[in-house]
Amino acid sequence: MSKLKLKPMSGYIIVKPAENETKTASGIILPANDGEKPQYGEVLAVGDDLIKDGFTIKAPVKVGDRVIYKKWGGEDIEVDAQKYQICEFAHILAQLV
């Protein structure tokens, strides 16, 4: 994997969304445009801690963690034909363990 050419600002992370499932557990093949985008992925970059109203909000995750984020949170971007999600720290709902 090539080096990520993005650095998130304070209070943000960059996530590589998981690939859409193309087959159900029972083996049914899904069409390419079926369903919604995944709400989870791998953290590729973490911005600095956020300082807001005099309080420091530390990053809740680190690079390499797998996270679930809000359905409508963050921004979809594409760099060098790769899709990414930029999310605020507050949009992280859970960490997959």
PDB file of N, CA and C in Angstrom:
ATOM      1  N   MET A   1       0.846  -1.173   0.000  1.00  0.00           N
ATOM      2  CA  MET A   1       0.000   0.000   0.000  1.00  0.00           C
ATOM      3  C   MET A   1       0.896   1.242   0.000  1.00  0.00           C
ATOM      4  N   SER A   2       0.565   2.186  -0.846  1.00  0.00           N
ATOM      5  CA  SER A   2       1.363   3.406  -0.908  1.00  0.00           C
ATOM      6  C   SER A   2       1.046   4.307   0.280  1.00  0.00           C
ATOM      7  N   LYS A   3       1.937   5.227   0.523  1.00  0.00           N
ATOM      8  CA  LYS A   3       1.755   6.135   1.649  1.00  0.00           C
ATOM      9  C   LYS A   3       0.565   7.059   1.401  1.00  0.00           C
ATOM     10  N   LEU A   4      -0.238   7.250   2.426  1.00  0.00           N
ATOM     11  CA  LEU A   4      -1.408   8.113   2.342  1.00  0.00           C
ATOM     12  C   LEU A   4      -0.958   9.553   2.138  1.00  0.00           C
ATOM     13  N   LYS A   5      -1.567  10.237   1.185  1.00  0.00           N
ATOM     14  CA  LYS A   5      -1.176  11.604   0.851  1.00  0.00           C
ATOM     15  C   LYS A   5      -2.090  12.625   1.519  1.00  0.00           C
ATOM     16  N   LEU A   6      -2.716  12.245   2.610  1.00  0.00           N
ATOM     17  CA  LEU A   6      -3.623  13.125   3.336  1.00  0.00           C
ATOM     18  C   LEU A   6      -3.237  13.177   4.796  1.00  0.00           C
ATOM     19  N   LYS A   7      -3.389  14.339   5.411  1.00  0.00           N
ATOM     20  CA  LYS A   7      -3.194  14.473   6.850  1.00  0.00           C
ATOM     21  C   LYS A   7      -4.423  15.191   7.387  1.00  0.00           C
ATOM     22  N   PRO A   8      -5.175  14.536   8.275  1.00  0.00           N
ATOM     23  CA  PRO A   8      -6.376  15.180   8.809  1.00  0.00           C
ATOM     24  C   PRO A   8      -6.035  16.317   9.769  1.00  0.00           C
ATOM     25  N   MET A   9      -6.913  17.293   9.830  1.00  0.00           N
ATOM     26  CA  MET A   9      -6.772  18.407  10.753  1.00  0.00           C
ATOM     27  C   MET A   9      -7.116  17.944  12.172  1.00  0.00           C
ATOM     28  N   SER A  10      -6.873  18.779  13.147  1.00  0.00           N
ATOM     29  CA  SER A  10      -7.172  18.457  14.547  1.00  0.00           C
ATOM     30  C   SER A  10      -8.637  18.067  14.686  1.00  0.00           C
ATOM     31  N   GLY A  11      -8.870  16.972  15.394  1.00  0.00           N
ATOM     32  CA  GLY A  11     -10.236  16.533  15.660  1.00  0.00           C
ATOM     33  C   GLY A  11     -10.830  15.636  14.598  1.00  0.00           C
ATOM     34  N   TYR A  12     -10.052  15.250  13.592  1.00  0.00           N
ATOM     35  CA  TYR A  12     -10.556  14.419  12.496  1.00  0.00           C
ATOM     36  C   TYR A  12      -9.700  13.172  12.305  1.00  0.00           C
ATOM     37  N   ILE A  13     -10.309  12.155  11.680  1.00  0.00           N
ATOM     38  CA  ILE A  13      -9.581  10.954  11.275  1.00  0.00           C
ATOM     39  C   ILE A  13      -9.907  10.656   9.819  1.00  0.00           C
ATOM     40  N   ILE A  14      -9.057   9.873   9.177  1.00  0.00           N
ATOM     41  CA  ILE A  14      -9.323   9.398   7.828  1.00  0.00           C
ATOM     42  C   ILE A  14      -9.497   7.888   7.900  1.00  0.00           C
ATOM     43  N   VAL A  15     -10.600   7.422   7.322  1.00  0.00           N
ATOM     44  CA  VAL A  15     -10.948   6.007   7.355  1.00  0.00           C
ATOM     45  C   VAL A  15     -11.029   5.483   5.932  1.00  0.00           C
ATOM     46  N   LYS A  16     -10.503   4.285   5.717  1.00  0.00           N
ATOM     47  CA  LYS A  16     -10.713   3.581   4.449  1.00  0.00           C
ATOM     48  C   LYS A  16     -11.936   2.697   4.660  1.00  0.00           C
ATOM     49  N   PRO A  17     -13.074   3.046   4.018  1.00  0.00           N
ATOM     50  CA  PRO A  17     -14.289   2.247   4.222  1.00  0.00           C
ATOM     51  C   PRO A  17     -14.094   0.810   3.766  1.00  0.00           C
ATOM     52  N   ALA A  18     -14.772  -0.108   4.447  1.00  0.00           N
ATOM     53  CA  ALA A  18     -14.737  -1.514   4.075  1.00  0.00           C
ATOM     54  C   ALA A  18     -15.403  -1.691   2.715  1.00  0.00           C
ATOM     55  N   GLU A  19     -15.051  -2.733   2.021  1.00  0.00           N
ATOM     56  CA  GLU A  19     -15.671  -3.047   0.736  1.00  0.00           C
ATOM     57  C   GLU A  19     -17.099  -3.517   0.955  1.00  0.00           C
ATOM     58  N   ASN A  20     -17.998  -3.143   0.040  1.00  0.00           N
ATOM     59  CA  ASN A  20     -19.372  -3.637   0.113  1.00  0.00           C
ATOM     60  C   ASN A  20     -19.383  -5.152  -0.056  1.00  0.00           C
ATOM     61  N   GLU A  21     -20.223  -5.803   0.706  1.00  0.00           N
ATOM     62  CA  GLU A  21     -20.379  -7.248   0.576  1.00  0.00           C
ATOM     63  C   GLU A  21     -21.072  -7.537  -0.752  1.00  0.00           C
ATOM     64  N   THR A  22     -20.596  -8.533  -1.486  1.00  0.00           N
ATOM     65  CA  THR A  22     -21.214  -8.883  -2.756  1.00  0.00           C
ATOM     66  C   THR A  22     -22.001 -10.175  -2.677  1.00  0.00           C
ATOM     67  N   LYS A  23     -21.930 -10.839  -1.516  1.00  0.00           N
ATOM     68  CA  LYS A  23     -22.643 -12.099  -1.357  1.00  0.00           C
ATOM     69  C   LYS A  23     -23.190 -12.173   0.069  1.00  0.00           C
ATOM     70  N   THR A  24     -24.423 -12.654   0.200  1.00  0.00           N
ATOM     71  CA  THR A  24     -25.011 -12.813   1.530  1.00  0.00           C
ATOM     72  C   THR A  24     -24.468 -14.068   2.193  1.00  0.00           C
ATOM     73  N   ALA A  25     -24.757 -14.230   3.480  1.00  0.00           N
ATOM     74  CA  ALA A  25     -24.295 -15.412   4.212  1.00  0.00           C
ATOM     75  C   ALA A  25     -24.839 -16.705   3.590  1.00  0.00           C
ATOM     76  N   SER A  26     -26.016 -16.635   2.975  1.00  0.00           N
ATOM     77  CA  SER A  26     -26.603 -17.832   2.361  1.00  0.00           C
ATOM     78  C   SER A  26     -26.120 -18.045   0.931  1.00  0.00           C
ATOM     79  N   GLY A  27     -25.248 -17.149   0.421  1.00  0.00           N
ATOM     80  CA  GLY A  27     -24.653 -17.348  -0.893  1.00  0.00           C
ATOM     81  C   GLY A  27     -25.318 -16.602  -2.024  1.00  0.00           C
ATOM     82  N   ILE A  28     -26.282 -15.752  -1.743  1.00  0.00           N
ATOM     83  CA  ILE A  28     -26.957 -14.988  -2.791  1.00  0.00           C
ATOM     84  C   ILE A  28     -26.039 -13.856  -3.246  1.00  0.00           C
ATOM     85  N   ILE A  29     -25.820 -13.752  -4.547  1.00  0.00           N
ATOM     86  CA  ILE A  29     -24.974 -12.700  -5.116  1.00  0.00           C
ATOM     87  C   ILE A  29     -25.785 -11.408  -5.203  1.00  0.00           C
ATOM     88  N   LEU A  30     -25.226 -10.321  -4.680  1.00  0.00           N
ATOM     89  CA  LEU A  30     -25.901  -9.027  -4.694  1.00  0.00           C
ATOM     90  C   LEU A  30     -25.437  -8.204  -5.882  1.00  0.00           C
ATOM     91  N   PRO A  31     -26.335  -7.423  -6.490  1.00  0.00           N
ATOM     92  CA  PRO A  31     -25.904  -6.536  -7.580  1.00  0.00           C
ATOM     93  C   PRO A  31     -24.936  -5.470  -7.070  1.00  0.00           C
ATOM     94  N   ALA A  32     -24.124  -4.931  -7.961  1.00  0.00           N
ATOM     95  CA  ALA A  32     -23.095  -3.954  -7.578  1.00  0.00           C
ATOM     96  C   ALA A  32     -23.673  -2.697  -6.953  1.00  0.00           C
ATOM     97  N   ASN A  33     -24.849  -2.251  -7.365  1.00  0.00           N
ATOM     98  CA  ASN A  33     -25.411  -1.014  -6.828  1.00  0.00           C
ATOM     99  C   ASN A  33     -26.380  -1.272  -5.683  1.00  0.00           C
ATOM    100  N   ASP A  34     -26.379  -2.453  -5.148  1.00  0.00           N
ATOM    101  CA  ASP A  34     -27.294  -2.803  -4.062  1.00  0.00           C
ATOM    102  C   ASP A  34     -26.879  -2.162  -2.757  1.00  0.00           C
ATOM    103  N   GLY A  35     -27.851  -1.711  -2.003  1.00  0.00           N
ATOM    104  CA  GLY A  35     -27.616  -1.285  -0.631  1.00  0.00           C
ATOM    105  C   GLY A  35     -26.827   0.001  -0.476  1.00  0.00           C
ATOM    106  N   GLU A  36     -26.439   0.230   0.755  1.00  0.00           N
ATOM    107  CA  GLU A  36     -25.772   1.460   1.140  1.00  0.00           C
ATOM    108  C   GLU A  36     -24.287   1.227   1.328  1.00  0.00           C
ATOM    109  N   LYS A  37     -23.578   2.327   1.451  1.00  0.00           N
ATOM    110  CA  LYS A  37     -22.148   2.232   1.695  1.00  0.00           C
ATOM    111  C   LYS A  37     -21.913   1.692   3.108  1.00  0.00           C
ATOM    112  N   PRO A  38     -20.782   1.023   3.329  1.00  0.00           N
ATOM    113  CA  PRO A  38     -20.482   0.520   4.671  1.00  0.00           C
ATOM    114  C   PRO A  38     -20.288   1.662   5.659  1.00  0.00           C
ATOM    115  N   GLN A  39     -20.557   1.400   6.925  1.00  0.00           N
ATOM    116  CA  GLN A  39     -20.383   2.399   7.980  1.00  0.00           C
ATOM    117  C   GLN A  39     -19.184   2.053   8.849  1.00  0.00           C
ATOM    118  N   TYR A  40     -18.281   1.242   8.350  1.00  0.00           N
ATOM    119  CA  TYR A  40     -17.105   0.877   9.133  1.00  0.00           C
ATOM    120  C   TYR A  40     -15.902   0.783   8.208  1.00  0.00           C
ATOM    121  N   GLY A  41     -14.727   0.835   8.825  1.00  0.00           N
ATOM    122  CA  GLY A  41     -13.513   0.738   8.049  1.00  0.00           C
ATOM    123  C   GLY A  41     -12.291   0.839   8.936  1.00  0.00           C
ATOM    124  N   GLU A  42     -11.134   0.955   8.284  1.00  0.00           N
ATOM    125  CA  GLU A  42      -9.850   1.002   8.989  1.00  0.00           C
ATOM    126  C   GLU A  42      -9.334   2.434   9.047  1.00  0.00           C
ATOM    127  N   VAL A  43      -8.859   2.835  10.227  1.00  0.00           N
ATOM    128  CA  VAL A  43      -8.302   4.172  10.420  1.00  0.00           C
ATOM    129  C   VAL A  43      -6.919   4.226   9.761  1.00  0.00           C
ATOM    130  N   LEU A  44      -6.757   5.173   8.840  1.00  0.00           N
ATOM    131  CA  LEU A  44      -5.481   5.329   8.138  1.00  0.00           C
ATOM    132  C   LEU A  44      -4.652   6.485   8.662  1.00  0.00           C
ATOM    133  N   ALA A  45      -5.318   7.501   9.218  1.00  0.00           N
ATOM    134  CA  ALA A  45      -4.607   8.667   9.752  1.00  0.00           C
ATOM    135  C   ALA A  45      -5.451   9.319  10.838  1.00  0.00           C
ATOM    136  N   VAL A  46      -4.775   9.895  11.823  1.00  0.00           N
ATOM    137  CA  VAL A  46      -5.455  10.542  12.943  1.00  0.00           C
ATOM    138  C   VAL A  46      -4.878  11.945  13.101  1.00  0.00           C
ATOM    139  N   GLY A  47      -5.777  12.936  13.159  1.00  0.00           N
ATOM    140  CA  GLY A  47      -5.347  14.312  13.379  1.00  0.00           C
ATOM    141  C   GLY A  47      -4.923  14.536  14.824  1.00  0.00           C
ATOM    142  N   ASP A  48      -4.357  15.698  15.072  1.00  0.00           N
ATOM    143  CA  ASP A  48      -3.953  16.053  16.437  1.00  0.00           C
ATOM    144  C   ASP A  48      -5.176  16.140  17.350  1.00  0.00           C
ATOM    145  N   ASP A  49      -4.915  16.084  18.647  1.00  0.00           N
ATOM    146  CA  ASP A  49      -5.994  16.249  19.622  1.00  0.00           C
ATOM    147  C   ASP A  49      -6.683  17.597  19.369  1.00  0.00           C
ATOM    148  N   LEU A  50      -7.972  17.634  19.622  1.00  0.00           N
ATOM    149  CA  LEU A  50      -8.764  18.835  19.401  1.00  0.00           C
ATOM    150  C   LEU A  50      -8.824  19.650  20.683  1.00  0.00           C
ATOM    151  N   ILE A  51      -8.570  20.945  20.583  1.00  0.00           N
ATOM    152  CA  ILE A  51      -8.707  21.835  21.733  1.00  0.00           C
ATOM    153  C   ILE A  51      -9.940  22.691  21.484  1.00  0.00           C
ATOM    154  N   LYS A  52     -10.937  22.530  22.353  1.00  0.00           N
ATOM    155  CA  LYS A  52     -12.211  23.229  22.185  1.00  0.00           C
ATOM    156  C   LYS A  52     -12.634  23.820  23.518  1.00  0.00           C
ATOM    157  N   ASP A  53     -12.883  25.114  23.531  1.00  0.00           N
ATOM    158  CA  ASP A  53     -13.306  25.817  24.742  1.00  0.00           C
ATOM    159  C   ASP A  53     -12.344  25.578  25.905  1.00  0.00           C
ATOM    160  N   GLY A  54     -11.062  25.486  25.589  1.00  0.00           N
ATOM    161  CA  GLY A  54     -10.053  25.309  26.621  1.00  0.00           C
ATOM    162  C   GLY A  54      -9.857  23.866  27.084  1.00  0.00           C
ATOM    163  N   PHE A  55     -10.617  22.930  26.528  1.00  0.00           N
ATOM    164  CA  PHE A  55     -10.500  21.524  26.900  1.00  0.00           C
ATOM    165  C   PHE A  55      -9.851  20.753  25.755  1.00  0.00           C
ATOM    166  N   THR A  56      -9.042  19.761  26.097  1.00  0.00           N
ATOM    167  CA  THR A  56      -8.401  18.923  25.094  1.00  0.00           C
ATOM    168  C   THR A  56      -9.211  17.648  24.918  1.00  0.00           C
ATOM    169  N   ILE A  57      -9.590  17.372  23.674  1.00  0.00           N
ATOM    170  CA  ILE A  57     -10.311  16.140  23.334  1.00  0.00           C
ATOM    171  C   ILE A  57      -9.322  15.248  22.602  1.00  0.00           C
ATOM    172  N   LYS A  58      -8.931  14.168  23.257  1.00  0.00           N
ATOM    173  CA  LYS A  58      -7.938  13.259  22.698  1.00  0.00           C
ATOM    174  C   LYS A  58      -8.566  12.372  21.632  1.00  0.00           C
ATOM    175  N   ALA A  59      -7.760  11.962  20.684  1.00  0.00           N
ATOM    176  CA  ALA A  59      -8.221  11.064  19.629  1.00  0.00           C
ATOM    177  C   ALA A  59      -8.674   9.745  20.262  1.00  0.00           C
ATOM    178  N   PRO A  60      -9.881   9.274  19.930  1.00  0.00           N
ATOM    179  CA  PRO A  60     -10.399   8.051  20.536  1.00  0.00           C
ATOM    180  C   PRO A  60      -9.837   6.776  19.921  1.00  0.00           C
ATOM    181  N   VAL A  61      -9.108   6.899  18.806  1.00  0.00           N
ATOM    182  CA  VAL A  61      -8.590   5.724  18.097  1.00  0.00           C
ATOM    183  C   VAL A  61      -7.177   6.008  17.617  1.00  0.00           C
ATOM    184  N   LYS A  62      -6.539   4.971  17.078  1.00  0.00           N
ATOM    185  CA  LYS A  62      -5.196   5.124  16.522  1.00  0.00           C
ATOM    186  C   LYS A  62      -5.167   4.490  15.127  1.00  0.00           C
ATOM    187  N   VAL A  63      -4.126   4.760  14.374  1.00  0.00           N
ATOM    188  CA  VAL A  63      -3.973   4.192  13.036  1.00  0.00           C
ATOM    189  C   VAL A  63      -4.003   2.668  13.140  1.00  0.00           C
ATOM    190  N   GLY A  64      -4.765   2.053  12.246  1.00  0.00           N
ATOM    191  CA  GLY A  64      -4.882   0.589  12.221  1.00  0.00           C
ATOM    192  C   GLY A  64      -6.136   0.073  12.901  1.00  0.00           C
ATOM    193  N   ASP A  65      -6.765   0.883  13.751  1.00  0.00           N
ATOM    194  CA  ASP A  65      -8.005   0.456  14.403  1.00  0.00           C
ATOM    195  C   ASP A  65      -9.113   0.332  13.372  1.00  0.00           C
ATOM    196  N   ARG A  66     -10.049  -0.573  13.619  1.00  0.00           N
ATOM    197  CA  ARG A  66     -11.252  -0.688  12.790  1.00  0.00           C
ATOM    198  C   ARG A  66     -12.394  -0.067  13.581  1.00  0.00           C
ATOM    199  N   VAL A  67     -13.120   0.841  12.926  1.00  0.00           N
ATOM    200  CA  VAL A  67     -14.136   1.606  13.629  1.00  0.00           C
ATOM    201  C   VAL A  67     -15.473   1.584  12.881  1.00  0.00           C
ATOM    202  N   ILE A  68     -16.529   1.863  13.639  1.00  0.00           N
ATOM    203  CA  ILE A  68     -17.856   2.087  13.092  1.00  0.00           C
ATOM    204  C   ILE A  68     -18.131   3.576  13.272  1.00  0.00           C
ATOM    205  N   TYR A  69     -18.604   4.229  12.217  1.00  0.00           N
ATOM    206  CA  TYR A  69     -18.861   5.662  12.293  1.00  0.00           C
ATOM    207  C   TYR A  69     -20.309   5.954  11.903  1.00  0.00           C
ATOM    208  N   LYS A  70     -20.757   7.168  12.206  1.00  0.00           N
ATOM    209  CA  LYS A  70     -22.137   7.565  11.943  1.00  0.00           C
ATOM    210  C   LYS A  70     -22.473   7.427  10.468  1.00  0.00           C
ATOM    211  N   LYS A  71     -23.700   7.036  10.219  1.00  0.00           N
ATOM    212  CA  LYS A  71     -24.162   6.815   8.852  1.00  0.00           C
ATOM    213  C   LYS A  71     -23.999   8.055   7.982  1.00  0.00           C
ATOM    214  N   TRP A  72     -24.378   9.206   8.488  1.00  0.00           N
ATOM    215  CA  TRP A  72     -24.292  10.427   7.699  1.00  0.00           C
ATOM    216  C   TRP A  72     -23.180  11.336   8.184  1.00  0.00           C
ATOM    217  N   GLY A  73     -22.285  10.814   8.995  1.00  0.00           N
ATOM    218  CA  GLY A  73     -21.178  11.614   9.493  1.00  0.00           C
ATOM    219  C   GLY A  73     -20.028  11.622   8.507  1.00  0.00           C
ATOM    220  N   GLY A  74     -19.269  12.662   8.536  1.00  0.00           N
ATOM    221  CA  GLY A  74     -18.061  12.719   7.734  1.00  0.00           C
ATOM    222  C   GLY A  74     -18.287  13.093   6.282  1.00  0.00           C
ATOM    223  N   GLU A  75     -17.194  13.114   5.554  1.00  0.00           N
ATOM    224  CA  GLU A  75     -17.194  13.489   4.141  1.00  0.00           C
ATOM    225  C   GLU A  75     -16.575  12.375   3.316  1.00  0.00           C
ATOM    226  N   ASP A  76     -17.209  12.033   2.212  1.00  0.00           N
ATOM    227  CA  ASP A  76     -16.649  11.077   1.271  1.00  0.00           C
ATOM    228  C   ASP A  76     -15.700  11.829   0.348  1.00  0.00           C
ATOM    229  N   ILE A  77     -14.496  11.297   0.190  1.00  0.00           N
ATOM    230  CA  ILE A  77     -13.547  11.899  -0.753  1.00  0.00           C
ATOM    231  C   ILE A  77     -12.884  10.787  -1.553  1.00  0.00           C
ATOM    232  N   GLU A  78     -12.269  11.160  -2.658  1.00  0.00           N
ATOM    233  CA  GLU A  78     -11.536  10.201  -3.471  1.00  0.00           C
ATOM    234  C   GLU A  78     -10.197  10.822  -3.855  1.00  0.00           C
ATOM    235  N   VAL A  79      -9.123  10.083  -3.585  1.00  0.00           N
ATOM    236  CA  VAL A  79      -7.772  10.533  -3.911  1.00  0.00           C
ATOM    237  C   VAL A  79      -7.066   9.381  -4.605  1.00  0.00           C
ATOM    238  N   ASP A  80      -6.525   9.638  -5.791  1.00  0.00           N
ATOM    239  CA  ASP A  80      -5.831   8.613  -6.578  1.00  0.00           C
ATOM    240  C   ASP A  80      -6.688   7.357  -6.738  1.00  0.00           C
ATOM    241  N   ALA A  81      -7.961   7.544  -7.069  1.00  0.00           N
ATOM    242  CA  ALA A  81      -8.928   6.461  -7.328  1.00  0.00           C
ATOM    243  C   ALA A  81      -9.247   5.622  -6.089  1.00  0.00           C
ATOM    244  N   GLN A  82      -8.874   6.089  -4.914  1.00  0.00           N
ATOM    245  CA  GLN A  82      -9.195   5.383  -3.663  1.00  0.00           C
ATOM    246  C   GLN A  82     -10.192   6.221  -2.877  1.00  0.00           C
ATOM    247  N   LYS A  83     -11.243   5.575  -2.363  1.00  0.00           N
ATOM    248  CA  LYS A  83     -12.261   6.291  -1.592  1.00  0.00           C
ATOM    249  C   LYS A  83     -11.895   6.300  -0.108  1.00  0.00           C
ATOM    250  N   TYR A  84     -12.138   7.449   0.528  1.00  0.00           N
ATOM    251  CA  TYR A  84     -11.879   7.624   1.947  1.00  0.00           C
ATOM    252  C   TYR A  84     -13.063   8.329   2.595  1.00  0.00           C
ATOM    253  N   GLN A  85     -13.129   8.235   3.906  1.00  0.00           N
ATOM    254  CA  GLN A  85     -14.130   8.943   4.701  1.00  0.00           C
ATOM    255  C   GLN A  85     -13.351   9.784   5.712  1.00  0.00           C
ATOM    256  N   ILE A  86     -13.648  11.086   5.787  1.00  0.00           N
ATOM    257  CA  ILE A  86     -13.041  11.938   6.802  1.00  0.00           C
ATOM    258  C   ILE A  86     -14.106  12.193   7.854  1.00  0.00           C
ATOM    259  N   CYS A  87     -13.831  11.780   9.092  1.00  0.00           N
ATOM    260  CA  CYS A  87     -14.811  11.870  10.182  1.00  0.00           C
ATOM    261  C   CYS A  87     -14.262  12.685  11.343  1.00  0.00           C
ATOM    262  N   GLU A  88     -15.154  13.353  12.036  1.00  0.00           N
ATOM    263  CA  GLU A  88     -14.783  14.004  13.290  1.00  0.00           C
ATOM    264  C   GLU A  88     -14.644  12.929  14.363  1.00  0.00           C
ATOM    265  N   PHE A  89     -13.865  13.227  15.393  1.00  0.00           N
ATOM    266  CA  PHE A  89     -13.749  12.293  16.515  1.00  0.00           C
ATOM    267  C   PHE A  89     -15.137  11.908  17.044  1.00  0.00           C
ATOM    268  N   ALA A  90     -16.048  12.877  17.102  1.00  0.00           N
ATOM    269  CA  ALA A  90     -17.383  12.656  17.658  1.00  0.00           C
ATOM    270  C   ALA A  90     -18.237  11.723  16.804  1.00  0.00           C
ATOM    271  N   HIS A  91     -17.848  11.490  15.545  1.00  0.00           N
ATOM    272  CA  HIS A  91     -18.624  10.614  14.671  1.00  0.00           C
ATOM    273  C   HIS A  91     -18.246   9.148  14.803  1.00  0.00           C
ATOM    274  N   ILE A  92     -17.228   8.856  15.605  1.00  0.00           N
ATOM    275  CA  ILE A  92     -16.838   7.468  15.860  1.00  0.00           C
ATOM    276  C   ILE A  92     -17.798   6.895  16.890  1.00  0.00           C
ATOM    277  N   LEU A  93     -18.484   5.824  16.523  1.00  0.00           N
ATOM    278  CA  LEU A  93     -19.468   5.212  17.416  1.00  0.00           C
ATOM    279  C   LEU A  93     -18.889   4.045  18.209  1.00  0.00           C
ATOM    280  N   ALA A  94     -18.002   3.275  17.584  1.00  0.00           N
ATOM    281  CA  ALA A  94     -17.443   2.091  18.260  1.00  0.00           C
ATOM    282  C   ALA A  94     -16.154   1.681  17.576  1.00  0.00           C
ATOM    283  N   GLN A  95     -15.392   0.880  18.298  1.00  0.00           N
ATOM    284  CA  GLN A  95     -14.179   0.293  17.757  1.00  0.00           C
ATOM    285  C   GLN A  95     -14.411  -1.206  17.650  1.00  0.00           C
ATOM    286  N   LEU A  96     -14.101  -1.795  16.508  1.00  0.00           N
ATOM    287  CA  LEU A  96     -14.250  -3.239  16.323  1.00  0.00           C
ATOM    288  C   LEU A  96     -13.041  -3.926  16.967  1.00  0.00           C
ATOM    289  N   VAL A  97     -13.305  -4.870  17.833  1.00  0.00           N
ATOM    290  CA  VAL A  97     -12.215  -5.589  18.514  1.00  0.00           C
ATOM    291  C   VAL A  97     -12.223  -7.054  18.184  1.00  0.00           C
TER     292      VAL A  97
END
